[in-house]
C-alpha atoms as a PDB file:
ATOM      1  CA  UNK A   1      10.955  27.697  43.385  1.00  0.00           C
ATOM      2  CA  UNK A   2       7.328  27.282  42.471  1.00  0.00           C
ATOM      3  CA  UNK A   3       7.551  30.418  40.351  1.00  0.00           C
ATOM      4  CA  UNK A   4      10.503  28.979  38.447  1.00  0.00           C
ATOM      5  CA  UNK A   5       8.675  25.715  37.918  1.00  0.00           C
ATOM      6  CA  UNK A   6       5.614  27.588  36.774  1.00  0.00           C
ATOM      7  CA  UNK A   7       7.635  29.570  34.241  1.00  0.00           C
ATOM      8  CA  UNK A   8       9.310  26.395  33.027  1.00  0.00           C
ATOM      9  CA  UNK A   9       6.004  24.630  32.651  1.00  0.00           C
ATOM     10  CA  UNK A  10       4.577  27.647  30.860  1.00  0.00           C
ATOM     11  CA  UNK A  11       7.521  27.567  28.484  1.00  0.00           C
ATOM     12  CA  UNK A  12       6.876  23.902  27.722  1.00  0.00           C
ATOM     13  CA  UNK A  13       3.203  24.525  27.093  1.00  0.00           C
ATOM     14  CA  UNK A  14       4.080  27.468  24.943  1.00  0.00           C
ATOM     15  CA  UNK A  15       6.448  25.364  22.824  1.00  0.00           C
ATOM     16  CA  UNK A  16       3.789  22.729  22.325  1.00  0.00           C
ATOM     17  CA  UNK A  17       1.286  25.310  21.193  1.00  0.00           C
ATOM     18  CA  UNK A  18       3.712  26.651  18.598  1.00  0.00           C
ATOM     19  CA  UNK A  19       4.275  23.247  16.995  1.00  0.00           C
ATOM     20  CA  UNK A  20       1.895  22.642  14.129  1.00  0.00           C
ATOM     21  CA  UNK A  21       0.564  19.348  12.749  1.00  0.00           C
ATOM     22  CA  UNK A  22       2.062  18.011   9.514  1.00  0.00           C
ATOM     23  CA  UNK A  23       0.641  19.433   6.307  1.00  0.00           C
ATOM     24  CA  UNK A  24      -0.794  17.062   3.735  1.00  0.00           C
ATOM     25  CA  UNK A  25       0.471  17.325   0.175  1.00  0.00           C
ATOM     26  CA  UNK A  26      -0.934  14.242  -1.618  1.00  0.00           C
ATOM     27  CA  UNK A  27       0.914  13.289  -4.772  1.00  0.00           C
ATOM     28  CA  UNK A  28       1.468  10.295  -7.026  1.00  0.00           C
ATOM     29  CA  UNK A  29       4.701   8.382  -6.448  1.00  0.00           C
ATOM     30  CA  UNK A  30       6.367   5.131  -7.481  1.00  0.00           C
ATOM     31  CA  UNK A  31       9.791   5.703  -5.951  1.00  0.00           C
ATOM     32  CA  UNK A  32      13.267   4.230  -6.142  1.00  0.00           C
ATOM     33  CA  UNK A  33      14.459   0.835  -4.933  1.00  0.00           C
ATOM     34  CA  UNK A  34      15.083   0.590  -1.189  1.00  0.00           C
ATOM     35  CA  UNK A  35      16.189  -1.984   1.364  1.00  0.00           C
ATOM     36  CA  UNK A  36      14.077  -3.264   4.276  1.00  0.00           C
ATOM     37  CA  UNK A  37      14.649  -6.243   6.583  1.00  0.00           C
ATOM     38  CA  UNK A  38      17.618  -7.353   4.486  1.00  0.00           C
ATOM     39  CA  UNK A  39      15.718  -7.366   1.170  1.00  0.00           C
ATOM     40  CA  UNK A  40      15.757  -4.961  -1.750  1.00  0.00           C
ATOM     41  CA  UNK A  41      12.309  -3.717  -2.778  1.00  0.00           C
ATOM     42  CA  UNK A  42      11.638  -2.456  -6.298  1.00  0.00           C
ATOM     43  CA  UNK A  43       8.531  -0.237  -6.505  1.00  0.00           C
ATOM     44  CA  UNK A  44       6.580  -0.508  -9.741  1.00  0.00           C
ATOM     45  CA  UNK A  45       3.408   0.725 -11.395  1.00  0.00           C
ATOM     46  CA  UNK A  46       0.770  -1.958 -11.854  1.00  0.00           C
ATOM     47  CA  UNK A  47      -2.968  -1.630 -12.446  1.00  0.00           C
ATOM     48  CA  UNK A  48      -4.101  -5.271 -12.479  1.00  0.00           C
ATOM     49  CA  UNK A  49      -2.534  -6.357  -9.189  1.00  0.00           C
ATOM     50  CA  UNK A  50      -3.912  -9.391  -7.375  1.00  0.00           C
ATOM     51  CA  UNK A  51      -1.986 -11.324  -4.743  1.00  0.00           C
ATOM     52  CA  UNK A  52      -2.423 -13.410  -1.607  1.00  0.00           C
ATOM     53  CA  UNK A  53      -0.324 -13.301   1.532  1.00  0.00           C
ATOM     54  CA  UNK A  54      -0.237 -12.116   5.127  1.00  0.00           C
ATOM     55  CA  UNK A  55      -1.605  -8.819   6.433  1.00  0.00           C
ATOM     56  CA  UNK A  56      -0.523  -7.220   9.708  1.00  0.00           C
ATOM     57  CA  UNK A  57      -1.653  -4.244  11.786  1.00  0.00           C
ATOM     58  CA  UNK A  58       0.426  -1.056  11.781  1.00  0.00           C
ATOM     59  CA  UNK A  59       2.958  -0.938  14.605  1.00  0.00           C
ATOM     60  CA  UNK A  60       1.565   0.581  17.803  1.00  0.00           C
ATOM     61  CA  UNK A  61       2.272   4.138  18.940  1.00  0.00           C
ATOM     62  CA  UNK A  62       3.238   5.237  15.453  1.00  0.00           C
ATOM     63  CA  UNK A  63       3.990   8.984  15.451  1.00  0.00           C
ATOM     64  CA  UNK A  64       1.774  11.341  13.482  1.00  0.00           C
ATOM     65  CA  UNK A  65       3.440  12.246  10.205  1.00  0.00           C
ATOM     66  CA  UNK A  66       3.039  12.134   6.466  1.00  0.00           C
ATOM     67  CA  UNK A  67       2.852   8.935   4.454  1.00  0.00           C
ATOM     68  CA  UNK A  68       4.918   8.141   1.366  1.00  0.00           C
ATOM     69  CA  UNK A  69       2.367   9.844  -0.899  1.00  0.00           C
ATOM     70  CA  UNK A  70       2.145  12.963   1.273  1.00  0.00           C
ATOM     71  CA  UNK A  71      -1.040  12.251   3.238  1.00  0.00           C
ATOM     72  CA  UNK A  72      -1.216  12.652   7.019  1.00  0.00           C
ATOM     73  CA  UNK A  73      -1.176   9.278   8.783  1.00  0.00           C
ATOM     74  CA  UNK A  74      -4.367   8.588  10.724  1.00  0.00           C
ATOM     75  CA  UNK A  75      -4.904   5.244  12.500  1.00  0.00           C
ATOM     76  CA  UNK A  76      -8.672   5.757  12.353  1.00  0.00           C
ATOM     77  CA  UNK A  77      -9.079   5.764   8.558  1.00  0.00           C
ATOM     78  CA  UNK A  78      -9.323   2.906   6.065  1.00  0.00           C
ATOM     79  CA  UNK A  79      -5.743   2.936   4.834  1.00  0.00           C
ATOM     80  CA  UNK A  80      -2.654   0.773   4.653  1.00  0.00           C
ATOM     81  CA  UNK A  81       0.810   0.260   3.221  1.00  0.00           C
ATOM     82  CA  UNK A  82       2.427  -1.857   0.495  1.00  0.00           C
ATOM     83  CA  UNK A  83       6.130  -2.412  -0.201  1.00  0.00           C
ATOM     84  CA  UNK A  84       6.166  -1.905  -3.991  1.00  0.00           C
ATOM     85  CA  UNK A  85       2.894  -0.729  -5.601  1.00  0.00           C
ATOM     86  CA  UNK A  86       2.520   2.846  -6.880  1.00  0.00           C
ATOM     87  CA  UNK A  87       0.961   5.189  -4.317  1.00  0.00           C
ATOM     88  CA  UNK A  88      -1.802   5.984  -3.707  1.00  0.00           C
ATOM     89  CA  UNK A  89      -3.614   2.874  -4.855  1.00  0.00           C
ATOM     90  CA  UNK A  90      -7.114   1.639  -3.973  1.00  0.00           C
ATOM     91  CA  UNK A  91      -7.519  -2.041  -3.196  1.00  0.00           C
ATOM     92  CA  UNK A  92     -10.052  -4.545  -1.938  1.00  0.00           C
ATOM     93  CA  UNK A  93      -8.707  -6.684   0.906  1.00  0.00           C
ATOM     94  CA  UNK A  94     -10.387 -10.024   1.641  1.00  0.00           C
ATOM     95  CA  UNK A  95      -9.783 -11.807   4.929  1.00  0.00           C
ATOM     96  CA  UNK A  96      -9.650 -15.421   3.740  1.00  0.00           C
ATOM     97  CA  UNK A  97     -10.039 -16.677   7.313  1.00  0.00           C
ATOM     98  CA  UNK A  98     -13.437 -15.113   8.081  1.00  0.00           C
ATOM     99  CA  UNK A  99     -14.762 -13.965   4.689  1.00  0.00           C
ATOM    100  CA  UNK A 100     -14.797 -10.232   5.445  1.00  0.00           C
ATOM    101  CA  UNK A 101     -13.941  -7.788   2.668  1.00  0.00           C
ATOM    102  CA  UNK A 102     -13.006  -4.096   2.873  1.00  0.00           C
ATOM    103  CA  UNK A 103     -11.860  -1.300   0.554  1.00  0.00           C
ATOM    104  CA  UNK A 104      -8.823   0.762   1.577  1.00  0.00           C
ATOM    105  CA  UNK A 105      -6.368   3.220   0.066  1.00  0.00           C
ATOM    106  CA  UNK A 106      -2.736   2.180   0.343  1.00  0.00           C
ATOM    107  CA  UNK A 107      -0.723   5.365   0.841  1.00  0.00           C
ATOM    108  CA  UNK A 108       2.555   4.332   2.475  1.00  0.00           C
ATOM    109  CA  UNK A 109       5.533   1.967   2.195  1.00  0.00           C
ATOM    110  CA  UNK A 110       5.539  -1.092   4.401  1.00  0.00           C
ATOM    111  CA  UNK A 111       5.321  -3.415   6.169  1.00  0.00           C
ATOM    112  CA  UNK A 112       9.055  -3.524   6.861  1.00  0.00           C
ATOM    113  CA  UNK A 113       9.145  -7.206   7.821  1.00  0.00           C
ATOM    114  CA  UNK A 114       9.688  -9.616   4.944  1.00  0.00           C
ATOM    115  CA  UNK A 115       7.015 -12.186   4.339  1.00  0.00           C
ATOM    116  CA  UNK A 116       4.196  -9.695   4.922  1.00  0.00           C
ATOM    117  CA  UNK A 117       2.049  -8.495   2.017  1.00  0.00           C
ATOM    118  CA  UNK A 118       0.372  -5.390   3.454  1.00  0.00           C
ATOM    119  CA  UNK A 119      -0.052  -3.463   6.685  1.00  0.00           C
ATOM    120  CA  UNK A 120      -3.390  -1.932   7.731  1.00  0.00           C
ATOM    121  CA  UNK A 121      -4.340   0.842  10.130  1.00  0.00           C
ATOM    122  CA  UNK A 122      -5.938  -0.330  13.396  1.00  0.00           C
ATOM    123  CA  UNK A 123      -9.355   0.840  12.162  1.00  0.00           C
ATOM    124  CA  UNK A 124      -9.082  -1.044   8.850  1.00  0.00           C
ATOM    125  CA  UNK A 125      -7.755  -4.159  10.604  1.00  0.00           C
ATOM    126  CA  UNK A 126     -10.700  -4.088  13.022  1.00  0.00           C
ATOM    127  CA  UNK A 127     -13.169  -3.777  10.139  1.00  0.00           C
ATOM    128  CA  UNK A 128     -11.496  -6.782   8.507  1.00  0.00           C
ATOM    129  CA  UNK A 129     -11.876  -8.766  11.739  1.00  0.00           C
ATOM    130  CA  UNK A 130      -8.140  -9.257  12.246  1.00  0.00           C
ATOM    131  CA  UNK A 131      -6.601 -10.269  15.537  1.00  0.00           C
ATOM    132  CA  UNK A 132      -3.172  -9.446  16.900  1.00  0.00           C
ATOM    133  CA  UNK A 133      -1.328 -11.814  14.560  1.00  0.00           C
ATOM    134  CA  UNK A 134      -0.992 -11.950  10.759  1.00  0.00           C
ATOM    135  CA  UNK A 135      -4.146 -12.703   8.768  1.00  0.00           C
ATOM    136  CA  UNK A 136      -4.371 -14.603   5.485  1.00  0.00           C
ATOM    137  CA  UNK A 137      -5.675 -12.185   2.873  1.00  0.00           C
ATOM    138  CA  UNK A 138      -6.186 -11.581  -0.809  1.00  0.00           C
ATOM    139  CA  UNK A 139      -5.485  -8.081  -2.172  1.00  0.00           C
ATOM    140  CA  UNK A 140      -7.036  -6.960  -5.461  1.00  0.00           C
ATOM    141  CA  UNK A 141      -6.490  -3.530  -6.992  1.00  0.00           C
ATOM    142  CA  UNK A 142      -9.463  -1.291  -7.827  1.00  0.00           C
ATOM    143  CA  UNK A 143      -8.274  -0.322 -11.279  1.00  0.00           C
ATOM    144  CA  UNK A 144     -10.496   2.641 -12.200  1.00  0.00           C
ATOM    145  CA  UNK A 145      -9.754   4.847  -9.200  1.00  0.00           C
ATOM    146  CA  UNK A 146      -6.106   3.781  -9.084  1.00  0.00           C
ATOM    147  CA  UNK A 147      -5.641   4.903 -12.677  1.00  0.00           C
ATOM    148  CA  UNK A 148      -7.459   8.094 -11.744  1.00  0.00           C
ATOM    149  CA  UNK A 149      -4.696   8.978  -9.286  1.00  0.00           C
ATOM    150  CA  UNK A 150      -2.064   8.585 -12.016  1.00  0.00           C
ATOM    151  CA  UNK A 151      -4.093  10.815 -14.317  1.00  0.00           C
ATOM    152  CA  UNK A 152      -4.899  13.617 -11.883  1.00  0.00           C
ATOM    153  CA  UNK A 153      -2.521  13.855  -8.923  1.00  0.00           C
ATOM    154  CA  UNK A 154       0.682  15.929  -8.931  1.00  0.00           C
ATOM    155  CA  UNK A 155       3.590  13.720  -9.927  1.00  0.00           C
ATOM    156  CA  UNK A 156       1.411  11.436 -12.009  1.00  0.00           C
ATOM    157  CA  UNK A 157       2.628  10.595 -15.519  1.00  0.00           C
ATOM    158  CA  UNK A 158      -0.756  11.248 -17.112  1.00  0.00           C
ATOM    159  CA  UNK A 159      -1.133  14.670 -15.477  1.00  0.00           C
ATOM    160  CA  UNK A 160       2.293  15.714 -16.734  1.00  0.00           C
ATOM    161  CA  UNK A 161       1.349  14.644 -20.250  1.00  0.00           C
ATOM    162  CA  UNK A 162      -1.996  16.441 -20.147  1.00  0.00           C
ATOM    163  CA  UNK A 163      -0.342  19.610 -18.848  1.00  0.00           C
ATOM    164  CA  UNK A 164       1.997  19.900 -21.838  1.00  0.00           C
ATOM    165  CA  UNK A 165       1.196  23.088 -23.812  1.00  0.00           C
ATOM    166  CA  UNK A 166      -0.459  22.607 -27.180  1.00  0.00           C
ATOM    167  CA  UNK A 167      -0.906  26.249 -28.206  1.00  0.00           C
ATOM    168  CA  UNK A 168       0.365  29.728 -27.446  1.00  0.00           C
ATOM    169  CA  UNK A 169      -1.144  31.262 -24.310  1.00  0.00           C
ATOM    170  CA  UNK A 170      -2.361  34.759 -25.153  1.00  0.00           C
ATOM    171  CA  UNK A 171      -4.173  35.670 -21.932  1.00  0.00           C
ATOM    172  CA  UNK A 172      -4.290  34.465 -18.369  1.00  0.00           C
ATOM    173  CA  UNK A 173      -6.382  35.799 -15.489  1.00  0.00           C
ATOM    174  CA  UNK A 174      -4.339  36.025 -12.310  1.00  0.00           C
ATOM    175  CA  UNK A 175      -5.722  35.939  -8.743  1.00  0.00           C
ATOM    176  CA  UNK A 176      -5.565  39.130  -6.633  1.00  0.00           C
ATOM    177  CA  UNK A 177      -2.188  39.931  -4.994  1.00  0.00           C
ATOM    178  CA  UNK A 178      -1.526  37.877  -1.892  1.00  0.00           C
ATOM    179  CA  UNK A 179      -3.837  35.045  -2.909  1.00  0.00           C
ATOM    180  CA  UNK A 180      -3.400  31.870  -4.844  1.00  0.00           C
ATOM    181  CA  UNK A 181      -5.624  29.414  -6.641  1.00  0.00           C
ATOM    182  CA  UNK A 182      -4.818  25.808  -7.313  1.00  0.00           C
ATOM    183  CA  UNK A 183      -6.804  23.149  -9.068  1.00  0.00           C
ATOM    184  CA  UNK A 184      -8.079  20.552  -6.622  1.00  0.00           C
ATOM    185  CA  UNK A 185      -8.363  16.966  -7.755  1.00  0.00           C
ATOM    186  CA  UNK A 186     -11.228  15.030  -6.247  1.00  0.00           C
ATOM    187  CA  UNK A 187     -11.156  11.382  -7.292  1.00  0.00           C
ATOM    188  CA  UNK A 188     -14.139   9.171  -6.648  1.00  0.00           C
ATOM    189  CA  UNK A 189     -12.715   6.033  -4.968  1.00  0.00           C
ATOM    190  CA  UNK A 190     -15.075   3.702  -6.809  1.00  0.00           C
ATOM    191  CA  UNK A 191     -15.294   5.146 -10.338  1.00  0.00           C
ATOM    192  CA  UNK A 192     -12.078   7.099 -10.760  1.00  0.00           C
ATOM    193  CA  UNK A 193     -14.015  10.161 -11.929  1.00  0.00           C
ATOM    194  CA  UNK A 194     -12.366  13.471 -11.112  1.00  0.00           C
ATOM    195  CA  UNK A 195     -13.209  17.150 -11.085  1.00  0.00           C
ATOM    196  CA  UNK A 196     -11.477  20.441 -10.372  1.00  0.00           C
ATOM    197  CA  UNK A 197     -12.148  23.254  -7.915  1.00  0.00           C
ATOM    198  CA  UNK A 198     -10.311  26.407  -6.946  1.00  0.00           C
ATOM    199  CA  UNK A 199      -9.049  25.857  -3.422  1.00  0.00           C
ATOM    200  CA  UNK A 200      -5.666  25.655  -1.804  1.00  0.00           C
ATOM    201  CA  UNK A 201      -5.298  21.911  -1.246  1.00  0.00           C
ATOM    202  CA  UNK A 202      -5.846  18.501  -2.776  1.00  0.00           C
ATOM    203  CA  UNK A 203      -8.600  16.474  -1.135  1.00  0.00           C
ATOM    204  CA  UNK A 204      -8.653  12.685  -1.438  1.00  0.00           C
ATOM    205  CA  UNK A 205     -11.881  11.057  -0.230  1.00  0.00           C
ATOM    206  CA  UNK A 206     -11.725   8.333   2.382  1.00  0.00           C
ATOM    207  CA  UNK A 207     -13.428   4.969   2.171  1.00  0.00           C
ATOM    208  CA  UNK A 208     -16.213   4.450   4.719  1.00  0.00           C
ATOM    209  CA  UNK A 209     -15.505   2.269   7.739  1.00  0.00           C
ATOM    210  CA  UNK A 210     -17.495  -0.764   6.654  1.00  0.00           C
ATOM    211  CA  UNK A 211     -17.103  -4.339   5.474  1.00  0.00           C
ATOM    212  CA  UNK A 212     -18.894  -6.849   3.278  1.00  0.00           C
ATOM    213  CA  UNK A 213     -19.375 -10.421   4.463  1.00  0.00           C
ATOM    214  CA  UNK A 214     -18.422 -13.288   2.177  1.00  0.00           C
ATOM    215  CA  UNK A 215     -17.415 -16.905   2.617  1.00  0.00           C
ATOM    216  CA  UNK A 216     -14.122 -17.935   4.304  1.00  0.00           C
ATOM    217  CA  UNK A 217     -11.433 -19.455   2.059  1.00  0.00           C
ATOM    218  CA  UNK A 218      -8.541 -19.956   4.503  1.00  0.00           C
ATOM    219  CA  UNK A 219      -6.165 -22.034   2.339  1.00  0.00           C
ATOM    220  CA  UNK A 220      -2.681 -23.188   3.241  1.00  0.00           C
ATOM    221  CA  UNK A 221       0.534 -21.191   3.545  1.00  0.00           C
ATOM    222  CA  UNK A 222       3.206 -21.712   0.884  1.00  0.00           C
ATOM    223  CA  UNK A 223       6.470 -20.069  -0.052  1.00  0.00           C
ATOM    224  CA  UNK A 224       6.445 -19.155  -3.718  1.00  0.00           C
ATOM    225  CA  UNK A 225       9.989 -18.816  -5.038  1.00  0.00           C
ATOM    226  CA  UNK A 226       9.382 -17.846  -8.664  1.00  0.00           C
ATOM    227  CA  UNK A 227       7.107 -17.557 -11.686  1.00  0.00           C
ATOM    228  CA  UNK A 228       8.150 -18.768 -15.132  1.00  0.00           C
ATOM    229  CA  UNK A 229       6.927 -18.788 -18.714  1.00  0.00           C
ATOM    230  CA  UNK A 230       8.572 -22.167 -19.435  1.00  0.00           C
ATOM    231  CA  UNK A 231       8.157 -25.290 -17.365  1.00  0.00           C
ATOM    232  CA  UNK A 232      11.776 -26.450 -17.739  1.00  0.00           C
ATOM    233  CA  UNK A 233      13.069 -23.359 -15.957  1.00  0.00           C
ATOM    234  CA  UNK A 234      10.450 -23.813 -13.254  1.00  0.00           C
ATOM    235  CA  UNK A 235      11.583 -27.437 -12.815  1.00  0.00           C
ATOM    236  CA  UNK A 236      15.186 -26.347 -12.379  1.00  0.00           C
ATOM    237  CA  UNK A 237      14.218 -23.922  -9.628  1.00  0.00           C
ATOM    238  CA  UNK A 238      11.952 -26.494  -7.975  1.00  0.00           C
ATOM    239  CA  UNK A 239      14.957 -28.828  -7.608  1.00  0.00           C
ATOM    240  CA  UNK A 240      16.995 -26.018  -6.097  1.00  0.00           C
ATOM    241  CA  UNK A 241      14.234 -24.914  -3.716  1.00  0.00           C
ATOM    242  CA  UNK A 242      13.005 -28.369  -2.784  1.00  0.00           C
ATOM    243  CA  UNK A 243       9.533 -27.463  -4.024  1.00  0.00           C
ATOM    244  CA  UNK A 244       7.032 -28.388  -6.706  1.00  0.00           C
ATOM    245  CA  UNK A 245       5.906 -26.854  -9.996  1.00  0.00           C
ATOM    246  CA  UNK A 246       2.346 -25.553 -10.194  1.00  0.00           C
ATOM    247  CA  UNK A 247       0.395 -24.317 -13.232  1.00  0.00           C
ATOM    248  CA  UNK A 248      -0.636 -20.700 -12.753  1.00  0.00           C
ATOM    249  CA  UNK A 249      -4.334 -19.743 -12.947  1.00  0.00           C
ATOM    250  CA  UNK A 250      -5.456 -18.647 -16.411  1.00  0.00           C
ATOM    251  CA  UNK A 251      -4.773 -14.966 -17.009  1.00  0.00           C
ATOM    252  CA  UNK A 252      -2.435 -14.512 -14.041  1.00  0.00           C
ATOM    253  CA  UNK A 253       0.785 -13.979 -15.987  1.00  0.00           C
ATOM    254  CA  UNK A 254       3.622 -16.531 -16.279  1.00  0.00           C
ATOM    255  CA  UNK A 255       2.377 -20.085 -16.801  1.00  0.00           C
ATOM    256  CA  UNK A 256       4.294 -21.863 -14.034  1.00  0.00           C
ATOM    257  CA  UNK A 257       5.061 -21.199 -10.371  1.00  0.00           C
ATOM    258  CA  UNK A 258       7.385 -22.917  -7.923  1.00  0.00           C
ATOM    259  CA  UNK A 259       6.120 -23.378  -4.374  1.00  0.00           C
ATOM    260  CA  UNK A 260       7.404 -24.966  -1.195  1.00  0.00           C
ATOM    261  CA  UNK A 261       4.933 -26.204   1.409  1.00  0.00           C
ATOM    262  CA  UNK A 262       2.238 -26.259   2.616  1.00  0.00           C
ATOM    263  CA  UNK A 263       2.961 -25.146   6.176  1.00  0.00           C
ATOM    264  CA  UNK A 264       0.833 -25.466   9.276  1.00  0.00           C
ATOM    265  CA  UNK A 265       1.414 -21.962  10.577  1.00  0.00           C
ATOM    266  CA  UNK A 266       3.056 -18.600  10.072  1.00  0.00           C
ATOM    267  CA  UNK A 267       6.223 -19.544  11.998  1.00  0.00           C
ATOM    268  CA  UNK A 268       6.871 -22.523   9.702  1.00  0.00           C
ATOM    269  CA  UNK A 269       6.245 -20.404   6.602  1.00  0.00           C
ATOM    270  CA  UNK A 270       8.594 -17.692   7.892  1.00  0.00           C
ATOM    271  CA  UNK A 271      11.334 -20.281   8.494  1.00  0.00           C
ATOM    272  CA  UNK A 272      10.908 -21.700   4.979  1.00  0.00           C
ATOM    273  CA  UNK A 273      11.030 -18.174   3.531  1.00  0.00           C
ATOM    274  CA  UNK A 274      14.291 -17.506   5.368  1.00  0.00           C
ATOM    275  CA  UNK A 275      15.786 -20.718   3.954  1.00  0.00           C
ATOM    276  CA  UNK A 276      14.775 -19.796   0.401  1.00  0.00           C
ATOM    277  CA  UNK A 277      16.253 -16.311   0.722  1.00  0.00           C
ATOM    278  CA  UNK A 278      19.444 -17.731   2.231  1.00  0.00           C
ATOM    279  CA  UNK A 279      20.145 -19.781  -0.924  1.00  0.00           C
ATOM    280  CA  UNK A 280      19.627 -16.767  -3.168  1.00  0.00           C
ATOM    281  CA  UNK A 281      15.960 -17.069  -4.164  1.00  0.00           C
ATOM    282  CA  UNK A 282      15.371 -13.357  -3.674  1.00  0.00           C
ATOM    283  CA  UNK A 283      11.899 -13.388  -5.212  1.00  0.00           C
ATOM    284  CA  UNK A 284      10.530 -15.778  -2.604  1.00  0.00           C
ATOM    285  CA  UNK A 285       7.391 -14.669  -0.745  1.00  0.00           C
ATOM    286  CA  UNK A 286       4.546 -16.183   1.255  1.00  0.00           C
ATOM    287  CA  UNK A 287       1.233 -16.915  -0.512  1.00  0.00           C
ATOM    288  CA  UNK A 288      -2.082 -18.483   0.473  1.00  0.00           C
ATOM    289  CA  UNK A 289      -3.478 -21.290  -1.666  1.00  0.00           C
END
């Protein structure tokens, strides 16, 4: 019997040794609309993104696999997820509750739960000084490096444009039989500068595990139901939502926003968000002001 068990155990070990880790294939992606937690999400390309809301930590015991942009998920790197921004995208995340600020690359879709702005790996969340619950944050895109991904990564619109032939190719040196050479894109996460090398994979640099200390700006929790270019339309929605009309900050897009609140805690904000969604205000989301 022990021999049979030993052979069985050996077979299990053997199977585990055969399995290989996922292979990274980083690429640029926007993606199609999808549904999560009862809401439709519409991914979009944006290079001047700035928003406030709630950040959460990635769900525990997440299996190792590839992210939406083809990277291998690692809970120990400075990374995170966003429901709609193009991927990958570099952002600065500020914890408004304690003043800490970090830089991360968002490379996946999430968080799934509505009312949450971003999800962070355990390592990034620890650097930001987050606890177990949601943290009030501000997320601001790092434009230069984010544009660099669109210009250099496979799948990016700028790379496809640059690759279009402009003249007849008369000669091309090929690698020896049985080998291959691919241009590697290395994008500096702060400047967006890129270069090429002849290797077999694309390498995206990681942000260091560090934070900068600023001043706390906790703010209150609100449910923002819409943004408008004309006040009269904002007033009509405010009546429907039971909220108030606010002027938007200069340079932040539409001139008027409709908000409901403020709320004392996350549970109250979540309940107000559910009420807004239930009456058809599908653009409602939680913000910090």
